[in-house]
């Protein structure tokens, strides 16, 4: 859909929303409609000033009251109901809602389920086919619900977060930026006051969360920057190695783009990592001593062993 078409859809849906929510605050309206407050106010001004009769001022067709505290519509020109979805559009919305309801923190799962039921009912009344969908789980953990509330209300957040790489839980104060979905997992992107930088916190690793009274205040550059997903975006053209990492070297997960594959009964972990050259990878592994071993590919494992033997031989020569 073009930007012009997207804006037209927003404008056509604004009036029915305001009709159903008289006196709603601009902040709540922006949140409900998924817009920034700046974009909402621009759309409202466009409706009021641009929807008029030739030779007359704004307000001829759409009459609005716009203030910093409340929004109201007085004359709608017959635009009292939102756009009606076609059967194919409704089916697409149903599938999307189903997927969103299963992702923690993205939407209120109960609200998503309510919307699904309403769309299905309308489709059935219209005689349209309704795609069979499994019943979504509308339960939500207290921590997830709290995070979603903090993001919506733009409040700072106190969390107890489990770090898989360190196998420890830490208490942090964070300033939420947004909720993002990466590889079917939900993350809170936030400014971490402990690390003094942006961090991604996986929802299923937040043990507890508390909304604070203070507003979320991430630095402006962090707020404007796109989400950094480089840790998750391995270049398919690069070779990949499988490493066996002992607990004493778990900190390497925090500094290198590694993907955890499995945890062994002895506490060690198998993980994959991409690398640009065998020389770089060999130096990295040798730096960890016996705490990191190469499981695959065999050529890299052989190269690391040969380099270790050569280093020990050179060390022996120097000691003579």
C-alpha atoms as a PDB file:
ATOM      1  CA  UNK A   1       0.000   0.000   0.000  1.00  0.00           C
ATOM      2  CA  UNK A   2       1.336   3.469  -0.936  1.00  0.00           C
ATOM      3  CA  UNK A   3       1.881   6.166   1.702  1.00  0.00           C
ATOM      4  CA  UNK A   4      -1.036   8.127   0.226  1.00  0.00           C
ATOM      5  CA  UNK A   5      -3.342   5.099   0.515  1.00  0.00           C
ATOM      6  CA  UNK A   6      -2.186   4.425   4.070  1.00  0.00           C
ATOM      7  CA  UNK A   7      -2.961   8.006   5.040  1.00  0.00           C
ATOM      8  CA  UNK A   8      -6.390   7.848   3.426  1.00  0.00           C
ATOM      9  CA  UNK A   9      -7.226   4.715   5.440  1.00  0.00           C
ATOM     10  CA  UNK A  10      -6.084   6.436   8.643  1.00  0.00           C
ATOM     11  CA  UNK A  11      -8.215   9.499   7.943  1.00  0.00           C
ATOM     12  CA  UNK A  12     -11.310   7.456   7.114  1.00  0.00           C
ATOM     13  CA  UNK A  13     -10.984   5.482  10.349  1.00  0.00           C
ATOM     14  CA  UNK A  14     -10.287   8.483  12.578  1.00  0.00           C
ATOM     15  CA  UNK A  15     -13.824   9.873  12.537  1.00  0.00           C
ATOM     16  CA  UNK A  16     -15.595   6.625  13.598  1.00  0.00           C
ATOM     17  CA  UNK A  17     -13.012   6.208  16.361  1.00  0.00           C
ATOM     18  CA  UNK A  18     -13.615   9.727  17.710  1.00  0.00           C
ATOM     19  CA  UNK A  19     -17.382   9.199  17.446  1.00  0.00           C
ATOM     20  CA  UNK A  20     -17.054   6.085  19.627  1.00  0.00           C
ATOM     21  CA  UNK A  21     -14.657   7.780  22.106  1.00  0.00           C
ATOM     22  CA  UNK A  22     -15.910  11.336  22.735  1.00  0.00           C
ATOM     23  CA  UNK A  23     -13.485  13.469  24.740  1.00  0.00           C
ATOM     24  CA  UNK A  24     -10.619  10.990  24.403  1.00  0.00           C
ATOM     25  CA  UNK A  25      -7.190  12.428  25.162  1.00  0.00           C
ATOM     26  CA  UNK A  26      -4.712  12.781  22.279  1.00  0.00           C
ATOM     27  CA  UNK A  27      -2.236  10.494  24.073  1.00  0.00           C
ATOM     28  CA  UNK A  28      -4.753   7.658  24.449  1.00  0.00           C
ATOM     29  CA  UNK A  29      -6.054   8.115  20.906  1.00  0.00           C
ATOM     30  CA  UNK A  30      -2.517   7.927  19.518  1.00  0.00           C
ATOM     31  CA  UNK A  31      -1.843   4.751  21.506  1.00  0.00           C
ATOM     32  CA  UNK A  32      -5.127   3.115  20.474  1.00  0.00           C
ATOM     33  CA  UNK A  33      -4.582   3.943  16.802  1.00  0.00           C
ATOM     34  CA  UNK A  34      -0.915   2.989  16.740  1.00  0.00           C
ATOM     35  CA  UNK A  35       0.249   6.505  15.803  1.00  0.00           C
ATOM     36  CA  UNK A  36       2.633   9.020  17.258  1.00  0.00           C
ATOM     37  CA  UNK A  37       0.944  12.026  18.841  1.00  0.00           C
ATOM     38  CA  UNK A  38       2.534  14.257  16.183  1.00  0.00           C
ATOM     39  CA  UNK A  39       1.099  12.127  13.367  1.00  0.00           C
ATOM     40  CA  UNK A  40      -2.330  12.008  15.015  1.00  0.00           C
ATOM     41  CA  UNK A  41      -2.505  15.790  15.354  1.00  0.00           C
ATOM     42  CA  UNK A  42      -1.383  16.228  11.735  1.00  0.00           C
ATOM     43  CA  UNK A  43      -4.139  13.858  10.561  1.00  0.00           C
ATOM     44  CA  UNK A  44      -6.760  15.644  12.661  1.00  0.00           C
ATOM     45  CA  UNK A  45      -5.760  19.034  11.296  1.00  0.00           C
ATOM     46  CA  UNK A  46      -5.900  17.620   7.780  1.00  0.00           C
ATOM     47  CA  UNK A  47      -9.435  16.338   8.380  1.00  0.00           C
ATOM     48  CA  UNK A  48     -10.600  19.658   9.781  1.00  0.00           C
ATOM     49  CA  UNK A  49      -8.910  22.020   7.331  1.00  0.00           C
ATOM     50  CA  UNK A  50      -8.816  20.031   4.081  1.00  0.00           C
ATOM     51  CA  UNK A  51     -12.311  18.473   4.155  1.00  0.00           C
ATOM     52  CA  UNK A  52     -14.394  21.490   3.162  1.00  0.00           C
ATOM     53  CA  UNK A  53     -16.561  22.881   0.410  1.00  0.00           C
ATOM     54  CA  UNK A  54     -15.030  25.009  -2.364  1.00  0.00           C
ATOM     55  CA  UNK A  55     -14.767  28.645  -1.337  1.00  0.00           C
ATOM     56  CA  UNK A  56     -15.374  27.964   2.343  1.00  0.00           C
ATOM     57  CA  UNK A  57     -13.177  27.416   5.395  1.00  0.00           C
ATOM     58  CA  UNK A  58     -12.515  24.099   7.106  1.00  0.00           C
ATOM     59  CA  UNK A  59     -15.166  22.418   9.238  1.00  0.00           C
ATOM     60  CA  UNK A  60     -17.840  22.302   6.514  1.00  0.00           C
ATOM     61  CA  UNK A  61     -17.776  18.512   6.252  1.00  0.00           C
ATOM     62  CA  UNK A  62     -15.852  17.329   9.322  1.00  0.00           C
ATOM     63  CA  UNK A  63     -16.206  19.473  12.443  1.00  0.00           C
ATOM     64  CA  UNK A  64     -13.768  18.690  15.250  1.00  0.00           C
ATOM     65  CA  UNK A  65     -12.706  20.081  18.593  1.00  0.00           C
ATOM     66  CA  UNK A  66      -8.966  19.608  19.001  1.00  0.00           C
ATOM     67  CA  UNK A  67      -7.092  20.438  22.205  1.00  0.00           C
ATOM     68  CA  UNK A  68      -4.173  19.107  24.201  1.00  0.00           C
ATOM     69  CA  UNK A  69      -6.603  17.452  26.659  1.00  0.00           C
ATOM     70  CA  UNK A  70      -9.526  16.144  24.622  1.00  0.00           C
ATOM     71  CA  UNK A  71     -10.703  15.353  21.091  1.00  0.00           C
ATOM     72  CA  UNK A  72     -14.315  15.394  19.911  1.00  0.00           C
ATOM     73  CA  UNK A  73     -16.138  15.206  16.599  1.00  0.00           C
ATOM     74  CA  UNK A  74     -19.383  17.200  16.155  1.00  0.00           C
ATOM     75  CA  UNK A  75     -20.235  16.614  12.508  1.00  0.00           C
ATOM     76  CA  UNK A  76     -19.149  13.495  10.614  1.00  0.00           C
ATOM     77  CA  UNK A  77     -20.587  13.929   7.101  1.00  0.00           C
ATOM     78  CA  UNK A  78     -21.946  10.396   7.389  1.00  0.00           C
ATOM     79  CA  UNK A  79     -18.578   8.807   8.213  1.00  0.00           C
ATOM     80  CA  UNK A  80     -19.957   7.073  11.288  1.00  0.00           C
ATOM     81  CA  UNK A  81     -18.657   3.574  10.672  1.00  0.00           C
ATOM     82  CA  UNK A  82     -15.137   2.341   9.946  1.00  0.00           C
ATOM     83  CA  UNK A  83     -14.217   0.828   6.607  1.00  0.00           C
ATOM     84  CA  UNK A  84     -15.679  -2.640   6.054  1.00  0.00           C
ATOM     85  CA  UNK A  85     -13.187  -5.406   5.384  1.00  0.00           C
ATOM     86  CA  UNK A  86     -13.571  -7.695   2.405  1.00  0.00           C
ATOM     87  CA  UNK A  87     -13.624 -11.435   3.149  1.00  0.00           C
ATOM     88  CA  UNK A  88     -10.012 -11.839   1.996  1.00  0.00           C
ATOM     89  CA  UNK A  89      -8.903  -8.839   4.077  1.00  0.00           C
ATOM     90  CA  UNK A  90     -10.752 -10.222   7.123  1.00  0.00           C
ATOM     91  CA  UNK A  91      -9.063 -13.604   6.668  1.00  0.00           C
ATOM     92  CA  UNK A  92      -5.659 -11.903   6.549  1.00  0.00           C
ATOM     93  CA  UNK A  93      -6.472  -9.909   9.686  1.00  0.00           C
ATOM     94  CA  UNK A  94      -7.571 -13.083  11.493  1.00  0.00           C
ATOM     95  CA  UNK A  95      -4.288 -14.827  10.701  1.00  0.00           C
ATOM     96  CA  UNK A  96      -2.294 -11.764  11.762  1.00  0.00           C
ATOM     97  CA  UNK A  97      -4.235 -11.420  15.031  1.00  0.00           C
ATOM     98  CA  UNK A  98      -3.705 -15.087  15.778  1.00  0.00           C
ATOM     99  CA  UNK A  99       0.045 -14.685  15.319  1.00  0.00           C
ATOM    100  CA  UNK A 100       0.169 -11.500  17.401  1.00  0.00           C
ATOM    101  CA  UNK A 101      -1.826 -13.092  20.235  1.00  0.00           C
ATOM    102  CA  UNK A 102       0.846 -15.766  20.547  1.00  0.00           C
ATOM    103  CA  UNK A 103       3.749 -13.305  20.794  1.00  0.00           C
ATOM    104  CA  UNK A 104       4.301 -12.117  24.394  1.00  0.00           C
ATOM    105  CA  UNK A 105       4.009  -8.391  24.994  1.00  0.00           C
ATOM    106  CA  UNK A 106       3.049  -7.297  21.480  1.00  0.00           C
ATOM    107  CA  UNK A 107      -0.698  -6.985  22.084  1.00  0.00           C
ATOM    108  CA  UNK A 108      -3.137  -7.714  24.876  1.00  0.00           C
ATOM    109  CA  UNK A 109      -3.989 -11.376  24.084  1.00  0.00           C
ATOM    110  CA  UNK A 110      -7.505 -11.044  25.523  1.00  0.00           C
ATOM    111  CA  UNK A 111      -8.170  -8.007  23.308  1.00  0.00           C
ATOM    112  CA  UNK A 112      -6.792  -9.878  20.296  1.00  0.00           C
ATOM    113  CA  UNK A 113      -9.068 -12.830  21.025  1.00  0.00           C
ATOM    114  CA  UNK A 114     -12.070 -10.500  21.362  1.00  0.00           C
ATOM    115  CA  UNK A 115     -11.267  -8.965  17.966  1.00  0.00           C
ATOM    116  CA  UNK A 116     -10.900 -12.437  16.429  1.00  0.00           C
ATOM    117  CA  UNK A 117     -14.330 -13.478  17.727  1.00  0.00           C
ATOM    118  CA  UNK A 118     -15.968 -10.298  16.377  1.00  0.00           C
ATOM    119  CA  UNK A 119     -14.407 -10.632  12.917  1.00  0.00           C
ATOM    120  CA  UNK A 120     -15.351 -14.317  12.729  1.00  0.00           C
ATOM    121  CA  UNK A 121     -18.941 -13.477  13.698  1.00  0.00           C
ATOM    122  CA  UNK A 122     -19.218 -10.806  10.996  1.00  0.00           C
ATOM    123  CA  UNK A 123     -17.743 -13.145   8.389  1.00  0.00           C
ATOM    124  CA  UNK A 124     -20.151 -15.923   9.337  1.00  0.00           C
ATOM    125  CA  UNK A 125     -23.128 -13.534   9.077  1.00  0.00           C
ATOM    126  CA  UNK A 126     -21.900 -12.446   5.633  1.00  0.00           C
ATOM    127  CA  UNK A 127     -21.592 -16.070   4.547  1.00  0.00           C
ATOM    128  CA  UNK A 128     -17.838 -15.824   4.064  1.00  0.00           C
ATOM    129  CA  UNK A 129     -15.531 -18.728   4.770  1.00  0.00           C
ATOM    130  CA  UNK A 130     -13.729 -18.432   8.086  1.00  0.00           C
ATOM    131  CA  UNK A 131     -10.287 -20.080   8.176  1.00  0.00           C
ATOM    132  CA  UNK A 132      -9.983 -22.635  10.960  1.00  0.00           C
ATOM    133  CA  UNK A 133      -7.687 -21.295  13.646  1.00  0.00           C
ATOM    134  CA  UNK A 134      -6.538 -22.881  16.918  1.00  0.00           C
ATOM    135  CA  UNK A 135      -7.799 -21.217  20.071  1.00  0.00           C
ATOM    136  CA  UNK A 136      -5.111 -18.706  21.126  1.00  0.00           C
ATOM    137  CA  UNK A 137      -3.812 -18.764  24.689  1.00  0.00           C
ATOM    138  CA  UNK A 138      -5.020 -15.502  26.241  1.00  0.00           C
ATOM    139  CA  UNK A 139      -3.150 -15.991  29.508  1.00  0.00           C
ATOM    140  CA  UNK A 140      -0.299 -13.565  30.077  1.00  0.00           C
ATOM    141  CA  UNK A 141       2.386 -13.618  32.740  1.00  0.00           C
ATOM    142  CA  UNK A 142       2.385 -10.677  35.177  1.00  0.00           C
ATOM    143  CA  UNK A 143       5.874  -9.656  34.012  1.00  0.00           C
ATOM    144  CA  UNK A 144       4.839  -9.534  30.336  1.00  0.00           C
ATOM    145  CA  UNK A 145       1.691  -7.532  31.106  1.00  0.00           C
ATOM    146  CA  UNK A 146       3.753  -5.096  33.200  1.00  0.00           C
ATOM    147  CA  UNK A 147       6.310  -4.586  30.423  1.00  0.00           C
ATOM    148  CA  UNK A 148       3.565  -3.928  27.880  1.00  0.00           C
ATOM    149  CA  UNK A 149       1.989  -1.373  30.244  1.00  0.00           C
ATOM    150  CA  UNK A 150       5.320   0.396  30.761  1.00  0.00           C
ATOM    151  CA  UNK A 151       5.896   0.658  27.009  1.00  0.00           C
ATOM    152  CA  UNK A 152       2.384   1.999  26.398  1.00  0.00           C
ATOM    153  CA  UNK A 153       2.569   4.520  29.252  1.00  0.00           C
ATOM    154  CA  UNK A 154       6.211   5.425  28.498  1.00  0.00           C
ATOM    155  CA  UNK A 155       7.285   4.661  32.067  1.00  0.00           C
ATOM    156  CA  UNK A 156      10.629   3.494  33.420  1.00  0.00           C
ATOM    157  CA  UNK A 157      10.767  -0.126  34.453  1.00  0.00           C
ATOM    158  CA  UNK A 158      12.513  -2.193  37.125  1.00  0.00           C
ATOM    159  CA  UNK A 159      13.168  -5.781  36.039  1.00  0.00           C
ATOM    160  CA  UNK A 160      14.840  -8.917  37.354  1.00  0.00           C
ATOM    161  CA  UNK A 161      16.453 -10.418  34.252  1.00  0.00           C
ATOM    162  CA  UNK A 162      18.006 -13.841  33.774  1.00  0.00           C
ATOM    163  CA  UNK A 163      21.162 -13.823  31.653  1.00  0.00           C
ATOM    164  CA  UNK A 164      21.584 -17.190  29.936  1.00  0.00           C
ATOM    165  CA  UNK A 165      25.211 -16.435  29.096  1.00  0.00           C
ATOM    166  CA  UNK A 166      26.144 -15.816  32.730  1.00  0.00           C
ATOM    167  CA  UNK A 167      23.507 -18.060  34.326  1.00  0.00           C
ATOM    168  CA  UNK A 168      22.691 -15.267  36.777  1.00  0.00           C
ATOM    169  CA  UNK A 169      19.746 -12.967  37.499  1.00  0.00           C
ATOM    170  CA  UNK A 170      20.353  -9.229  37.816  1.00  0.00           C
ATOM    171  CA  UNK A 171      18.174  -6.296  38.885  1.00  0.00           C
ATOM    172  CA  UNK A 172      18.073  -3.440  36.377  1.00  0.00           C
ATOM    173  CA  UNK A 173      16.336  -0.114  35.852  1.00  0.00           C
ATOM    174  CA  UNK A 174      15.556   0.397  32.173  1.00  0.00           C
ATOM    175  CA  UNK A 175      13.907   3.011  29.983  1.00  0.00           C
ATOM    176  CA  UNK A 176      11.675   1.165  27.475  1.00  0.00           C
ATOM    177  CA  UNK A 177      11.915   2.137  23.807  1.00  0.00           C
ATOM    178  CA  UNK A 178       9.793  -0.438  21.981  1.00  0.00           C
ATOM    179  CA  UNK A 179       8.780  -4.096  21.752  1.00  0.00           C
ATOM    180  CA  UNK A 180      10.397  -5.948  18.858  1.00  0.00           C
ATOM    181  CA  UNK A 181       9.979  -9.460  17.470  1.00  0.00           C
ATOM    182  CA  UNK A 182      13.106 -11.253  16.249  1.00  0.00           C
ATOM    183  CA  UNK A 183      13.002 -14.840  14.985  1.00  0.00           C
ATOM    184  CA  UNK A 184       9.597 -15.513  16.638  1.00  0.00           C
ATOM    185  CA  UNK A 185      10.800 -14.217  20.042  1.00  0.00           C
ATOM    186  CA  UNK A 186       9.571 -11.021  21.726  1.00  0.00           C
ATOM    187  CA  UNK A 187      12.136  -8.588  23.099  1.00  0.00           C
ATOM    188  CA  UNK A 188      11.967  -5.348  25.041  1.00  0.00           C
ATOM    189  CA  UNK A 189      14.353  -2.840  23.513  1.00  0.00           C
ATOM    190  CA  UNK A 190      15.341  -0.447  26.277  1.00  0.00           C
ATOM    191  CA  UNK A 191      18.072   1.824  27.554  1.00  0.00           C
ATOM    192  CA  UNK A 192      19.739  -0.083  30.397  1.00  0.00           C
ATOM    193  CA  UNK A 193      20.965   2.307  33.081  1.00  0.00           C
ATOM    194  CA  UNK A 194      23.376  -0.329  34.422  1.00  0.00           C
ATOM    195  CA  UNK A 195      25.080  -0.928  31.062  1.00  0.00           C
ATOM    196  CA  UNK A 196      24.589   2.715  29.970  1.00  0.00           C
ATOM    197  CA  UNK A 197      23.536   1.541  26.507  1.00  0.00           C
ATOM    198  CA  UNK A 198      20.653  -0.017  24.579  1.00  0.00           C
ATOM    199  CA  UNK A 199      19.923  -3.661  25.342  1.00  0.00           C
ATOM    200  CA  UNK A 200      17.421  -6.258  24.133  1.00  0.00           C
ATOM    201  CA  UNK A 201      15.677  -8.174  26.936  1.00  0.00           C
ATOM    202  CA  UNK A 202      13.927 -11.390  25.945  1.00  0.00           C
ATOM    203  CA  UNK A 203      10.447 -11.526  27.452  1.00  0.00           C
ATOM    204  CA  UNK A 204      10.651 -15.122  28.642  1.00  0.00           C
ATOM    205  CA  UNK A 205      13.796 -14.295  30.646  1.00  0.00           C
ATOM    206  CA  UNK A 206      12.229 -11.454  32.658  1.00  0.00           C
ATOM    207  CA  UNK A 207      11.451 -12.991  36.050  1.00  0.00           C
ATOM    208  CA  UNK A 208       9.614  -9.949  37.436  1.00  0.00           C
ATOM    209  CA  UNK A 209       8.861  -6.371  36.420  1.00  0.00           C
ATOM    210  CA  UNK A 210       7.585  -3.214  38.111  1.00  0.00           C
ATOM    211  CA  UNK A 211       6.399  -0.001  36.455  1.00  0.00           C
ATOM    212  CA  UNK A 212       8.055   3.019  38.083  1.00  0.00           C
ATOM    213  CA  UNK A 213       6.539   6.461  38.611  1.00  0.00           C
ATOM    214  CA  UNK A 214       9.171   8.240  36.518  1.00  0.00           C
ATOM    215  CA  UNK A 215       8.806   8.572  32.772  1.00  0.00           C
ATOM    216  CA  UNK A 216      10.939   6.535  30.403  1.00  0.00           C
ATOM    217  CA  UNK A 217      13.790   8.767  29.238  1.00  0.00           C
ATOM    218  CA  UNK A 218      16.183   6.992  26.879  1.00  0.00           C
ATOM    219  CA  UNK A 219      18.748   9.282  25.190  1.00  0.00           C
ATOM    220  CA  UNK A 220      17.378  10.828  22.020  1.00  0.00           C
ATOM    221  CA  UNK A 221      19.883   9.088  19.679  1.00  0.00           C
ATOM    222  CA  UNK A 222      18.872   5.712  21.135  1.00  0.00           C
ATOM    223  CA  UNK A 223      15.208   6.589  20.675  1.00  0.00           C
ATOM    224  CA  UNK A 224      15.678   7.511  17.012  1.00  0.00           C
ATOM    225  CA  UNK A 225      18.009   4.669  16.055  1.00  0.00           C
ATOM    226  CA  UNK A 226      16.675   1.521  14.395  1.00  0.00           C
ATOM    227  CA  UNK A 227      16.805  -1.712  16.368  1.00  0.00           C
ATOM    228  CA  UNK A 228      20.236  -3.324  16.094  1.00  0.00           C
ATOM    229  CA  UNK A 229      19.650  -6.964  15.125  1.00  0.00           C
ATOM    230  CA  UNK A 230      23.187  -7.646  13.899  1.00  0.00           C
ATOM    231  CA  UNK A 231      23.638 -10.250  16.629  1.00  0.00           C
ATOM    232  CA  UNK A 232      20.840 -12.295  15.032  1.00  0.00           C
ATOM    233  CA  UNK A 233      21.709 -11.728  11.375  1.00  0.00           C
ATOM    234  CA  UNK A 234      24.456 -14.151  10.430  1.00  0.00           C
ATOM    235  CA  UNK A 235      25.836 -13.727   6.911  1.00  0.00           C
ATOM    236  CA  UNK A 236      24.943 -16.970   5.066  1.00  0.00           C
ATOM    237  CA  UNK A 237      28.048 -16.596   2.905  1.00  0.00           C
ATOM    238  CA  UNK A 238      30.355 -16.907   5.942  1.00  0.00           C
ATOM    239  CA  UNK A 239      31.515 -20.258   7.353  1.00  0.00           C
ATOM    240  CA  UNK A 240      30.076 -21.421  10.670  1.00  0.00           C
ATOM    241  CA  UNK A 241      31.741 -23.325  13.503  1.00  0.00           C
ATOM    242  CA  UNK A 242      30.277 -25.362  16.349  1.00  0.00           C
ATOM    243  CA  UNK A 243      32.024 -24.773  19.679  1.00  0.00           C
ATOM    244  CA  UNK A 244      31.881 -26.541  23.024  1.00  0.00           C
ATOM    245  CA  UNK A 245      32.017 -23.823  25.700  1.00  0.00           C
ATOM    246  CA  UNK A 246      32.782 -24.534  29.357  1.00  0.00           C
ATOM    247  CA  UNK A 247      31.048 -22.474  32.089  1.00  0.00           C
ATOM    248  CA  UNK A 248      34.198 -20.432  32.775  1.00  0.00           C
ATOM    249  CA  UNK A 249      33.992 -19.029  29.215  1.00  0.00           C
ATOM    250  CA  UNK A 250      30.242 -18.280  29.106  1.00  0.00           C
ATOM    251  CA  UNK A 251      31.012 -14.563  29.066  1.00  0.00           C
ATOM    252  CA  UNK A 252      31.962 -14.922  25.389  1.00  0.00           C
ATOM    253  CA  UNK A 253      28.215 -15.153  24.586  1.00  0.00           C
ATOM    254  CA  UNK A 254      27.914 -11.479  25.546  1.00  0.00           C
ATOM    255  CA  UNK A 255      30.652 -10.341  23.166  1.00  0.00           C
ATOM    256  CA  UNK A 256      30.308 -12.536  20.086  1.00  0.00           C
ATOM    257  CA  UNK A 257      27.289 -13.309  17.826  1.00  0.00           C
ATOM    258  CA  UNK A 258      26.736 -16.876  18.984  1.00  0.00           C
ATOM    259  CA  UNK A 259      23.666 -19.085  18.816  1.00  0.00           C
ATOM    260  CA  UNK A 260      23.114 -21.558  21.640  1.00  0.00           C
ATOM    261  CA  UNK A 261      22.448 -25.045  20.258  1.00  0.00           C
ATOM    262  CA  UNK A 262      22.236 -27.261  23.326  1.00  0.00           C
ATOM    263  CA  UNK A 263      23.241 -27.529  26.978  1.00  0.00           C
ATOM    264  CA  UNK A 264      25.061 -30.664  28.113  1.00  0.00           C
ATOM    265  CA  UNK A 265      24.504 -32.450  31.401  1.00  0.00           C
ATOM    266  CA  UNK A 266      27.934 -31.352  32.653  1.00  0.00           C
ATOM    267  CA  UNK A 267      26.967 -27.681  32.331  1.00  0.00           C
ATOM    268  CA  UNK A 268      28.869 -26.944  29.104  1.00  0.00           C
ATOM    269  CA  UNK A 269      27.128 -25.593  26.023  1.00  0.00           C
ATOM    270  CA  UNK A 270      27.316 -26.212  22.314  1.00  0.00           C
ATOM    271  CA  UNK A 271      26.970 -23.062  20.231  1.00  0.00           C
ATOM    272  CA  UNK A 272      27.434 -21.966  16.633  1.00  0.00           C
ATOM    273  CA  UNK A 273      29.315 -18.888  15.477  1.00  0.00           C
ATOM    274  CA  UNK A 274      30.087 -17.443  12.051  1.00  0.00           C
ATOM    275  CA  UNK A 275      33.575 -16.161  11.256  1.00  0.00           C
ATOM    276  CA  UNK A 276      35.388 -14.416   8.428  1.00  0.00           C
ATOM    277  CA  UNK A 277      38.646 -16.375   8.374  1.00  0.00           C
ATOM    278  CA  UNK A 278      40.202 -19.504   9.864  1.00  0.00           C
ATOM    279  CA  UNK A 279      43.095 -17.414  11.215  1.00  0.00           C
ATOM    280  CA  UNK A 280      40.758 -15.147  13.218  1.00  0.00           C
ATOM    281  CA  UNK A 281      38.743 -18.069  14.528  1.00  0.00           C
ATOM    282  CA  UNK A 282      41.872 -19.969  15.507  1.00  0.00           C
ATOM    283  CA  UNK A 283      43.171 -17.008  17.520  1.00  0.00           C
ATOM    284  CA  UNK A 284      39.809 -16.606  19.236  1.00  0.00           C
ATOM    285  CA  UNK A 285      39.597 -20.245  20.319  1.00  0.00           C
ATOM    286  CA  UNK A 286      43.242 -20.416  21.433  1.00  0.00           C
ATOM    287  CA  UNK A 287      42.658 -17.381  23.626  1.00  0.00           C
ATOM    288  CA  UNK A 288      40.224 -19.379  25.760  1.00  0.00           C
ATOM    289  CA  UNK A 289      42.601 -22.303  26.320  1.00  0.00           C
ATOM    290  CA  UNK A 290      40.842 -25.544  27.209  1.00  0.00           C
ATOM    291  CA  UNK A 291      37.562 -23.746  28.042  1.00  0.00           C
ATOM    292  CA  UNK A 292      36.518 -23.665  24.368  1.00  0.00           C
ATOM    293  CA  UNK A 293      36.870 -26.509  21.860  1.00  0.00           C
ATOM    294  CA  UNK A 294      35.978 -26.738  18.177  1.00  0.00           C
ATOM    295  CA  UNK A 295      33.527 -29.546  17.377  1.00  0.00           C
ATOM    296  CA  UNK A 296      33.047 -28.685  13.702  1.00  0.00           C
ATOM    297  CA  UNK A 297      34.235 -28.261  11.030  1.00  0.00           C
ATOM    298  CA  UNK A 298      37.042 -30.779  11.363  1.00  0.00           C
ATOM    299  CA  UNK A 299      39.371 -28.636   9.241  1.00  0.00           C
ATOM    300  CA  UNK A 300      39.108 -25.788  11.763  1.00  0.00           C
ATOM    301  CA  UNK A 301      39.577 -28.156  14.714  1.00  0.00           C
ATOM    302  CA  UNK A 302      42.727 -29.529  13.062  1.00  0.00           C
ATOM    303  CA  UNK A 303      43.999 -26.005  12.421  1.00  0.00           C
ATOM    304  CA  UNK A 304      43.482 -25.041  16.070  1.00  0.00           C
ATOM    305  CA  UNK A 305      45.291 -28.190  17.287  1.00  0.00           C
ATOM    306  CA  UNK A 306      48.213 -27.572  14.912  1.00  0.00           C
ATOM    307  CA  UNK A 307      48.473 -23.945  16.024  1.00  0.00           C
ATOM    308  CA  UNK A 308      48.425 -25.003  19.694  1.00  0.00           C
ATOM    309  CA  UNK A 309      51.146 -27.604  19.116  1.00  0.00           C
ATOM    310  CA  UNK A 310      53.265 -25.055  17.229  1.00  0.00           C
ATOM    311  CA  UNK A 311      52.805 -22.495  20.009  1.00  0.00           C
ATOM    312  CA  UNK A 312      53.818 -25.015  22.686  1.00  0.00           C
ATOM    313  CA  UNK A 313      56.855 -26.034  20.627  1.00  0.00           C
ATOM    314  CA  UNK A 314      57.912 -22.406  20.222  1.00  0.00           C
ATOM    315  CA  UNK A 315      57.379 -21.818  23.928  1.00  0.00           C
ATOM    316  CA  UNK A 316      59.568 -24.864  24.702  1.00  0.00           C
ATOM    317  CA  UNK A 317      62.333 -23.566  22.455  1.00  0.00           C
ATOM    318  CA  UNK A 318      62.322 -20.183  24.202  1.00  0.00           C
ATOM    319  CA  UNK A 319      62.619 -21.855  27.618  1.00  0.00           C
ATOM    320  CA  UNK A 320      65.763 -23.785  26.684  1.00  0.00           C
END
